[in-house]
C-alpha atoms as a PDB file:
ATOM      1  CA  MET A   1       0.000   0.000   0.000  1.00  0.00           C
ATOM      2  CA  SER A   2       2.786   2.438   0.928  1.00  0.00           C
ATOM      3  CA  LYS A   3       4.553   1.771  -2.389  1.00  0.00           C
ATOM      4  CA  ARG A   4       1.305   2.376  -4.267  1.00  0.00           C
ATOM      5  CA  ILE A   5       0.787   5.695  -2.483  1.00  0.00           C
ATOM      6  CA  ALA A   6       4.399   6.753  -3.099  1.00  0.00           C
ATOM      7  CA  SER A   7       3.970   5.999  -6.805  1.00  0.00           C
ATOM      8  CA  SER A   8       0.664   7.832  -7.121  1.00  0.00           C
ATOM      9  CA  GLU A   9       0.371  10.880  -9.360  1.00  0.00           C
ATOM     10  CA  ILE A  10      -0.237  13.257  -6.474  1.00  0.00           C
ATOM     11  CA  ALA A  11       2.791  11.933  -4.528  1.00  0.00           C
ATOM     12  CA  LEU A  12       5.036  12.258  -7.577  1.00  0.00           C
ATOM     13  CA  SER A  13       3.788  15.766  -8.326  1.00  0.00           C
ATOM     14  CA  LEU A  14       4.192  16.955  -4.723  1.00  0.00           C
ATOM     15  CA  GLY A  15       7.622  15.371  -4.482  1.00  0.00           C
ATOM     16  CA  ALA A  16       8.726  17.110  -7.674  1.00  0.00           C
ATOM     17  CA  PHE A  17       7.399  20.468  -6.492  1.00  0.00           C
ATOM     18  CA  PHE A  18       9.211  20.322  -3.151  1.00  0.00           C
ATOM     19  CA  LEU A  19      12.416  19.075  -4.789  1.00  0.00           C
ATOM     20  CA  ALA A  20      12.276  21.944  -7.289  1.00  0.00           C
ATOM     21  CA  PHE A  21      11.749  24.370  -4.400  1.00  0.00           C
ATOM     22  CA  TYR A  22      14.745  22.850  -2.626  1.00  0.00           C
ATOM     23  CA  PHE A  23      16.836  23.395  -5.781  1.00  0.00           C
ATOM     24  CA  TRP A  24      15.656  27.009  -5.910  1.00  0.00           C
ATOM     25  CA  LEU A  25      16.433  27.676  -2.236  1.00  0.00           C
ATOM     26  CA  VAL A  26      19.931  26.204  -2.406  1.00  0.00           C
ATOM     27  CA  GLY A  27      20.720  27.935  -5.680  1.00  0.00           C
ATOM     28  CA  ARG A  28      19.451  31.346  -4.615  1.00  0.00           C
ATOM     29  CA  ALA A  29      20.682  31.358  -1.015  1.00  0.00           C
ATOM     30  CA  ASN A  30      24.333  30.557  -1.766  1.00  0.00           C
ATOM     31  CA  ARG A  31      26.995  32.885  -3.137  1.00  0.00           C
ATOM     32  CA  SER A  32      28.210  31.452  -6.442  1.00  0.00           C
ATOM     33  CA  ARG A  33      31.657  31.227  -7.956  1.00  0.00           C
ATOM     34  CA  ARG A  34      33.169  29.267 -10.830  1.00  0.00           C
ATOM     35  CA  GLU A  35      36.603  28.027 -11.790  1.00  0.00           C
ATOM     36  CA  PRO A  36      38.416  28.606 -14.063  1.00  0.00           C
ATOM     37  CA  GLU A  37      37.058  32.077 -13.388  1.00  0.00           C
ATOM     38  CA  ALA A  38      38.040  33.715 -16.675  1.00  0.00           C
ATOM     39  CA  ASP A  39      36.853  31.095 -19.143  1.00  0.00           C
ATOM     40  CA  PHE A  40      34.610  28.669 -17.241  1.00  0.00           C
ATOM     41  CA  TYR A  41      32.051  28.635 -20.068  1.00  0.00           C
ATOM     42  CA  LYS A  42      34.509  28.494 -22.986  1.00  0.00           C
ATOM     43  CA  PRO A  43      34.058  24.749 -23.836  1.00  0.00           C
ATOM     44  CA  PHE A  44      30.280  25.170 -23.593  1.00  0.00           C
ATOM     45  CA  THR A  45      30.096  28.010 -26.122  1.00  0.00           C
ATOM     46  CA  THR A  46      31.825  26.526 -29.179  1.00  0.00           C
ATOM     47  CA  GLY A  47      28.507  25.866 -30.883  1.00  0.00           C
ATOM     48  CA  LYS A  48      29.199  22.117 -30.862  1.00  0.00           C
ATOM     49  CA  PRO A  49      27.439  19.593 -28.591  1.00  0.00           C
ATOM     50  CA  PHE A  50      29.134  18.195 -25.482  1.00  0.00           C
ATOM     51  CA  ILE A  51      28.695  15.622 -22.719  1.00  0.00           C
ATOM     52  CA  ILE A  52      28.819  16.860 -19.107  1.00  0.00           C
ATOM     53  CA  ALA A  53      30.117  14.258 -16.657  1.00  0.00           C
ATOM     54  CA  LEU A  54      29.182  14.368 -12.957  1.00  0.00           C
ATOM     55  CA  TRP A  55      29.613  11.989 -10.058  1.00  0.00           C
ATOM     56  CA  HIS A  56      26.470  10.290  -8.780  1.00  0.00           C
ATOM     57  CA  GLY A  57      25.273  11.881  -5.550  1.00  0.00           C
ATOM     58  CA  GLU A  58      26.911  15.204  -6.453  1.00  0.00           C
ATOM     59  CA  HIS A  59      24.499  16.193  -9.217  1.00  0.00           C
ATOM     60  CA  PHE A  60      21.642  18.115  -7.567  1.00  0.00           C
ATOM     61  CA  LEU A  61      23.076  21.577  -8.274  1.00  0.00           C
ATOM     62  CA  LEU A  62      22.932  21.172 -12.046  1.00  0.00           C
ATOM     63  CA  PRO A  63      20.059  23.667 -12.540  1.00  0.00           C
ATOM     64  CA  PHE A  64      22.471  26.392 -11.385  1.00  0.00           C
ATOM     65  CA  LEU A  65      25.376  25.601 -13.682  1.00  0.00           C
ATOM     66  CA  GLY A  66      24.292  28.569 -15.804  1.00  0.00           C
ATOM     67  CA  LEU A  67      23.858  26.847 -19.181  1.00  0.00           C
ATOM     68  CA  PRO A  68      20.822  27.188 -21.500  1.00  0.00           C
ATOM     69  CA  SER A  69      18.385  24.608 -20.167  1.00  0.00           C
ATOM     70  CA  GLU A  70      16.601  24.004 -23.474  1.00  0.00           C
ATOM     71  CA  LYS A  71      19.663  22.207 -24.856  1.00  0.00           C
ATOM     72  CA  LEU A  72      20.486  20.111 -21.788  1.00  0.00           C
ATOM     73  CA  ASN A  73      19.254  16.499 -21.737  1.00  0.00           C
ATOM     74  CA  ILE A  74      19.852  14.671 -18.441  1.00  0.00           C
ATOM     75  CA  LEU A  75      20.097  10.895 -18.173  1.00  0.00           C
ATOM     76  CA  ILE A  76      17.797   9.939 -15.272  1.00  0.00           C
ATOM     77  CA  THR A  77      16.914   6.486 -13.961  1.00  0.00           C
ATOM     78  CA  THR A  78      13.475   5.001 -14.663  1.00  0.00           C
ATOM     79  CA  HIS A  79      13.001   4.340 -10.932  1.00  0.00           C
ATOM     80  CA  ARG A  80      10.290   6.211  -8.988  1.00  0.00           C
ATOM     81  CA  ASP A  81      12.917   8.530  -7.479  1.00  0.00           C
ATOM     82  CA  GLY A  82      14.061   9.292 -11.012  1.00  0.00           C
ATOM     83  CA  GLU A  83      10.515  10.269 -11.974  1.00  0.00           C
ATOM     84  CA  VAL A  84      10.429  12.816  -9.152  1.00  0.00           C
ATOM     85  CA  LEU A  85      13.831  14.175 -10.195  1.00  0.00           C
ATOM     86  CA  ALA A  86      12.832  14.386 -13.865  1.00  0.00           C
ATOM     87  CA  ARG A  87       9.692  16.324 -12.995  1.00  0.00           C
ATOM     88  CA  ALA A  88      11.615  18.653 -10.692  1.00  0.00           C
ATOM     89  CA  CYS A  89      14.160  19.360 -13.439  1.00  0.00           C
ATOM     90  CA  GLY A  90      11.252  20.166 -15.725  1.00  0.00           C
ATOM     91  CA  TYR A  91      10.489  23.228 -13.570  1.00  0.00           C
ATOM     92  CA  TYR A  92      13.823  24.608 -14.814  1.00  0.00           C
ATOM     93  CA  GLY A  93      13.271  23.693 -18.449  1.00  0.00           C
ATOM     94  CA  LEU A  94      15.712  20.778 -18.294  1.00  0.00           C
ATOM     95  CA  LYS A  95      14.876  17.762 -20.435  1.00  0.00           C
ATOM     96  CA  SER A  96      15.394  14.162 -19.383  1.00  0.00           C
ATOM     97  CA  ILE A  97      16.324  10.894 -21.057  1.00  0.00           C
ATOM     98  CA  ARG A  98      15.104   7.950 -19.005  1.00  0.00           C
ATOM     99  CA  GLY A  99      17.422   5.001 -18.425  1.00  0.00           C
ATOM    100  CA  SER A 100      20.582   3.984 -16.593  1.00  0.00           C
ATOM    101  CA  GLY A 101      23.658   1.820 -16.923  1.00  0.00           C
ATOM    102  CA  GLY A 102      23.964  -1.935 -16.564  1.00  0.00           C
ATOM    103  CA  GLU A 103      25.436  -5.090 -18.054  1.00  0.00           C
ATOM    104  CA  GLY A 104      23.899  -8.206 -19.563  1.00  0.00           C
ATOM    105  CA  SER A 105      20.190  -8.499 -18.793  1.00  0.00           C
ATOM    106  CA  GLU A 106      20.432  -5.357 -16.657  1.00  0.00           C
ATOM    107  CA  PHE A 107      21.419  -3.421 -19.786  1.00  0.00           C
ATOM    108  CA  LEU A 108      17.992  -4.133 -21.254  1.00  0.00           C
ATOM    109  CA  ARG A 109      15.990  -4.016 -18.005  1.00  0.00           C
ATOM    110  CA  LYS A 110      17.238  -0.548 -17.157  1.00  0.00           C
ATOM    111  CA  LYS A 111      16.554   0.644 -20.719  1.00  0.00           C
ATOM    112  CA  ALA A 112      20.247   1.450 -21.131  1.00  0.00           C
ATOM    113  CA  LEU A 113      20.203   0.544 -24.838  1.00  0.00           C
ATOM    114  CA  HIS A 114      17.231   2.839 -25.461  1.00  0.00           C
ATOM    115  CA  ALA A 115      18.855   5.622 -23.436  1.00  0.00           C
ATOM    116  CA  PHE A 116      22.180   5.276 -25.283  1.00  0.00           C
ATOM    117  CA  ALA A 117      20.412   5.599 -28.637  1.00  0.00           C
ATOM    118  CA  ALA A 118      18.437   8.602 -27.372  1.00  0.00           C
ATOM    119  CA  MET A 119      21.606  10.331 -26.158  1.00  0.00           C
ATOM    120  CA  LEU A 120      23.308   9.764 -29.509  1.00  0.00           C
ATOM    121  CA  ARG A 121      20.260  11.182 -31.250  1.00  0.00           C
ATOM    122  CA  VAL A 122      20.160  14.436 -29.259  1.00  0.00           C
ATOM    123  CA  LEU A 123      23.926  14.929 -29.582  1.00  0.00           C
ATOM    124  CA  ARG A 124      23.723  14.516 -33.357  1.00  0.00           C
ATOM    125  CA  LYS A 125      20.870  17.023 -33.329  1.00  0.00           C
ATOM    126  CA  GLY A 126      23.196  19.577 -31.731  1.00  0.00           C
ATOM    127  CA  GLU A 127      21.911  19.359 -28.163  1.00  0.00           C
ATOM    128  CA  ASN A 128      23.893  18.351 -25.077  1.00  0.00           C
ATOM    129  CA  VAL A 129      23.860  15.438 -22.640  1.00  0.00           C
ATOM    130  CA  VAL A 130      24.419  15.367 -18.873  1.00  0.00           C
ATOM    131  CA  MET A 131      25.129  12.041 -17.187  1.00  0.00           C
ATOM    132  CA  THR A 132      26.757  10.566 -14.111  1.00  0.00           C
ATOM    133  CA  ALA A 133      29.922   8.664 -14.939  1.00  0.00           C
ATOM    134  CA  ASP A 134      29.924   6.078 -12.128  1.00  0.00           C
ATOM    135  CA  VAL A 135      29.636   2.352 -12.689  1.00  0.00           C
ATOM    136  CA  PRO A 136      26.138   1.448 -11.389  1.00  0.00           C
ATOM    137  CA  LYS A 137      26.267   1.053  -7.580  1.00  0.00           C
ATOM    138  CA  VAL A 138      30.037   1.670  -7.533  1.00  0.00           C
ATOM    139  CA  ALA A 139      30.686   5.269  -6.509  1.00  0.00           C
ATOM    140  CA  ARG A 140      33.611   7.291  -7.884  1.00  0.00           C
ATOM    141  CA  VAL A 141      34.594   4.664 -10.460  1.00  0.00           C
ATOM    142  CA  ALA A 142      33.922   5.802 -14.004  1.00  0.00           C
ATOM    143  CA  GLY A 143      32.395   3.275 -16.363  1.00  0.00           C
ATOM    144  CA  LEU A 144      32.930   2.751 -20.067  1.00  0.00           C
ATOM    145  CA  GLY A 145      29.433   3.961 -20.958  1.00  0.00           C
ATOM    146  CA  ILE A 146      30.261   7.657 -21.052  1.00  0.00           C
ATOM    147  CA  VAL A 147      33.465   7.203 -23.081  1.00  0.00           C
ATOM    148  CA  THR A 148      31.656   4.892 -25.506  1.00  0.00           C
ATOM    149  CA  LEU A 149      29.060   7.624 -26.012  1.00  0.00           C
ATOM    150  CA  ALA A 150      31.875  10.115 -26.692  1.00  0.00           C
ATOM    151  CA  LYS A 151      33.448   7.692 -29.179  1.00  0.00           C
ATOM    152  CA  TYR A 152      30.330   7.217 -31.288  1.00  0.00           C
ATOM    153  CA  SER A 153      29.091  10.813 -31.042  1.00  0.00           C
ATOM    154  CA  GLY A 154      32.426  12.568 -31.528  1.00  0.00           C
ATOM    155  CA  CYS A 155      31.522  14.917 -28.659  1.00  0.00           C
ATOM    156  CA  PRO A 156      33.905  15.876 -25.825  1.00  0.00           C
ATOM    157  CA  ILE A 157      33.318  14.885 -22.217  1.00  0.00           C
ATOM    158  CA  ILE A 158      33.560  17.828 -19.808  1.00  0.00           C
ATOM    159  CA  PRO A 159      34.030  16.888 -16.121  1.00  0.00           C
ATOM    160  CA  VAL A 160      32.055  19.163 -13.787  1.00  0.00           C
ATOM    161  CA  ALA A 161      31.819  19.292  -9.998  1.00  0.00           C
ATOM    162  CA  MET A 162      29.491  21.492  -7.952  1.00  0.00           C
ATOM    163  CA  ALA A 163      29.557  21.809  -4.168  1.00  0.00           C
ATOM    164  CA  THR A 164      28.200  23.952  -1.359  1.00  0.00           C
ATOM    165  CA  SER A 165      30.048  24.953   1.780  1.00  0.00           C
ATOM    166  CA  HIS A 166      27.183  23.620   3.944  1.00  0.00           C
ATOM    167  CA  PHE A 167      25.919  20.099   3.292  1.00  0.00           C
ATOM    168  CA  ARG A 168      25.030  16.762   4.796  1.00  0.00           C
ATOM    169  CA  ARG A 169      26.055  13.411   3.373  1.00  0.00           C
ATOM    170  CA  LEU A 170      23.879  10.289   3.405  1.00  0.00           C
ATOM    171  CA  SER A 171      25.217   6.811   4.181  1.00  0.00           C
ATOM    172  CA  ASN A 172      23.947   5.178   0.964  1.00  0.00           C
ATOM    173  CA  TRP A 173      26.144   3.657  -1.777  1.00  0.00           C
ATOM    174  CA  ASP A 174      27.036   6.964  -3.466  1.00  0.00           C
ATOM    175  CA  ARG A 175      27.203   9.036  -0.246  1.00  0.00           C
ATOM    176  CA  THR A 176      24.577  11.405  -1.675  1.00  0.00           C
ATOM    177  CA  CYS A 177      25.309  15.033  -0.866  1.00  0.00           C
ATOM    178  CA  ILE A 178      22.389  17.074   0.473  1.00  0.00           C
ATOM    179  CA  ASN A 179      23.356  20.660  -0.293  1.00  0.00           C
ATOM    180  CA  LEU A 180      22.272  23.356   2.143  1.00  0.00           C
ATOM    181  CA  PRO A 181      21.680  27.103   1.717  1.00  0.00           C
ATOM    182  CA  PHE A 182      23.342  30.183   3.220  1.00  0.00           C
ATOM    183  CA  GLY A 183      26.937  29.590   2.229  1.00  0.00           C
ATOM    184  CA  ARG A 184      28.960  29.285  -0.976  1.00  0.00           C
ATOM    185  CA  LEU A 185      28.191  27.366  -4.151  1.00  0.00           C
ATOM    186  CA  THR A 186      31.251  26.470  -6.222  1.00  0.00           C
ATOM    187  CA  ALA A 187      31.343  25.012  -9.735  1.00  0.00           C
ATOM    188  CA  ILE A 188      34.556  23.561 -11.146  1.00  0.00           C
ATOM    189  CA  ARG A 189      35.100  22.623 -14.779  1.00  0.00           C
ATOM    190  CA  GLY A 190      37.763  20.186 -15.917  1.00  0.00           C
ATOM    191  CA  GLU A 191      39.403  20.083 -19.319  1.00  0.00           C
ATOM    192  CA  PRO A 192      37.429  18.493 -22.183  1.00  0.00           C
ATOM    193  CA  ILE A 193      38.245  14.836 -22.914  1.00  0.00           C
ATOM    194  CA  PHE A 194      38.016  13.625 -26.510  1.00  0.00           C
ATOM    195  CA  VAL A 195      37.676  10.002 -27.620  1.00  0.00           C
ATOM    196  CA  ALA A 196      38.650   9.022 -31.158  1.00  0.00           C
ATOM    197  CA  HIS A 197      35.987   7.362 -33.301  1.00  0.00           C
ATOM    198  CA  ASP A 198      38.335   4.421 -33.926  1.00  0.00           C
ATOM    199  CA  ALA A 199      39.364   4.050 -30.264  1.00  0.00           C
ATOM    200  CA  GLU A 200      39.844   0.440 -29.202  1.00  0.00           C
ATOM    201  CA  ASP A 201      39.973  -1.149 -25.759  1.00  0.00           C
ATOM    202  CA  ALA A 202      43.233   0.426 -24.559  1.00  0.00           C
ATOM    203  CA  ALA A 203      42.242   3.912 -25.717  1.00  0.00           C
ATOM    204  CA  LEU A 204      38.782   3.591 -24.173  1.00  0.00           C
ATOM    205  CA  GLU A 205      40.328   2.530 -20.869  1.00  0.00           C
ATOM    206  CA  ALA A 206      42.701   5.515 -20.984  1.00  0.00           C
ATOM    207  CA  ALA A 207      39.753   7.833 -21.624  1.00  0.00           C
ATOM    208  CA  ARG A 208      37.787   6.206 -18.798  1.00  0.00           C
ATOM    209  CA  ARG A 209      40.669   6.849 -16.399  1.00  0.00           C
ATOM    210  CA  ALA A 210      40.934  10.444 -17.648  1.00  0.00           C
ATOM    211  CA  VAL A 211      37.233  11.014 -16.870  1.00  0.00           C
ATOM    212  CA  GLU A 212      37.634   9.477 -13.421  1.00  0.00           C
ATOM    213  CA  ASP A 213      40.755  11.522 -12.647  1.00  0.00           C
ATOM    214  CA  GLY A 214      39.159  14.701 -14.010  1.00  0.00           C
ATOM    215  CA  LEU A 215      36.035  14.300 -11.911  1.00  0.00           C
ATOM    216  CA  ASN A 216      37.990  13.461  -8.762  1.00  0.00           C
ATOM    217  CA  ALA A 217      40.255  16.485  -9.216  1.00  0.00           C
ATOM    218  CA  ALA A 218      37.309  18.823  -9.897  1.00  0.00           C
ATOM    219  CA  THR A 219      35.343  17.483  -6.917  1.00  0.00           C
ATOM    220  CA  GLU A 220      38.237  17.838  -4.485  1.00  0.00           C
ATOM    221  CA  ARG A 221      38.910  21.350  -5.778  1.00  0.00           C
ATOM    222  CA  ALA A 222      35.251  22.354  -5.340  1.00  0.00           C
ATOM    223  CA  TYR A 223      35.214  21.289  -1.695  1.00  0.00           C
ATOM    224  CA  ALA A 224      38.631  22.812  -1.051  1.00  0.00           C
ATOM    225  CA  LEU A 225      37.477  26.202  -2.330  1.00  0.00           C
ATOM    226  CA  ASP A 226      34.267  26.038  -0.308  1.00  0.00           C
ATOM    227  CA  ASP A 227      36.117  25.572   2.943  1.00  0.00           C
ATOM    228  CA  GLU A 228      39.875  25.979   2.886  1.00  0.00           C
ATOM    229  CA  SER A 229      40.063  25.070   6.577  1.00  0.00           C
ATOM    230  CA  VAL A 230      38.960  21.497   5.800  1.00  0.00           C
ATOM    231  CA  GLU A 231      41.029  18.949   3.901  1.00  0.00           C
ATOM    232  CA  PRO A 232      39.216  18.098   0.611  1.00  0.00           C
ATOM    233  CA  ALA A 233      39.267  14.351   1.246  1.00  0.00           C
ATOM    234  CA  ASP A 234      37.744  14.891   4.703  1.00  0.00           C
ATOM    235  CA  ALA A 235      35.025  17.087   3.236  1.00  0.00           C
ATOM    236  CA  LEU A 236      34.091  14.372   0.768  1.00  0.00           C
ATOM    237  CA  ARG A 237      33.781  11.789   3.541  1.00  0.00           C
ATOM    238  CA  ASN A 238      31.938  13.898   6.092  1.00  0.00           C
ATOM    239  CA  GLY A 239      29.087  16.366   5.747  1.00  0.00           C
ATOM    240  CA  ARG A 240      29.696  19.758   7.362  1.00  0.00           C
END
């Protein structure tokens, strides 16, 4: 009964509304800064499509990255929680592609094949994709999915990390960060990562490691800038 209520239209709509309000409060009630300060938006303004990479659990500040929402397509799980998130993102004009990663039978069950095709389609249309890079249920380890998408689309992967100086961290698999208002909001952009169309296993693995290293460096930098009195690694482990 509780699952049926949680999946009802009114519960989904209310959940999306309050999540969108939470986004608004955190985004508006934090002082923002970006790095690199001089040319943060340079890779996003070439006129060519791109793939933004984020870590799972560190992705709730995306509406305040400052990019045109009408060209951002976010990969969001088909789970009930994903439905709430997709609806909340809709308040900000962000579009969603439903699906998630997986292997074998999970690849089909989670609609990963459908989502991969949809992401290729929007990239070829000139729009952009946002996705978390983690292997499903393995936090901070980049999978091959995002670099495979870059290979077949010809689009660069741009690592991005966003953090707030006040937050709480959950104890789930990805240590989800609950951002809080009344502090600083920092966005860090890494260097674009390109994957050749003819890349084979070794080149794909090198690109995967580059995405992982880029996201880790950007994430540690974001937390370091938000509170220079706290070691970055400690900030990632413990909510302040």
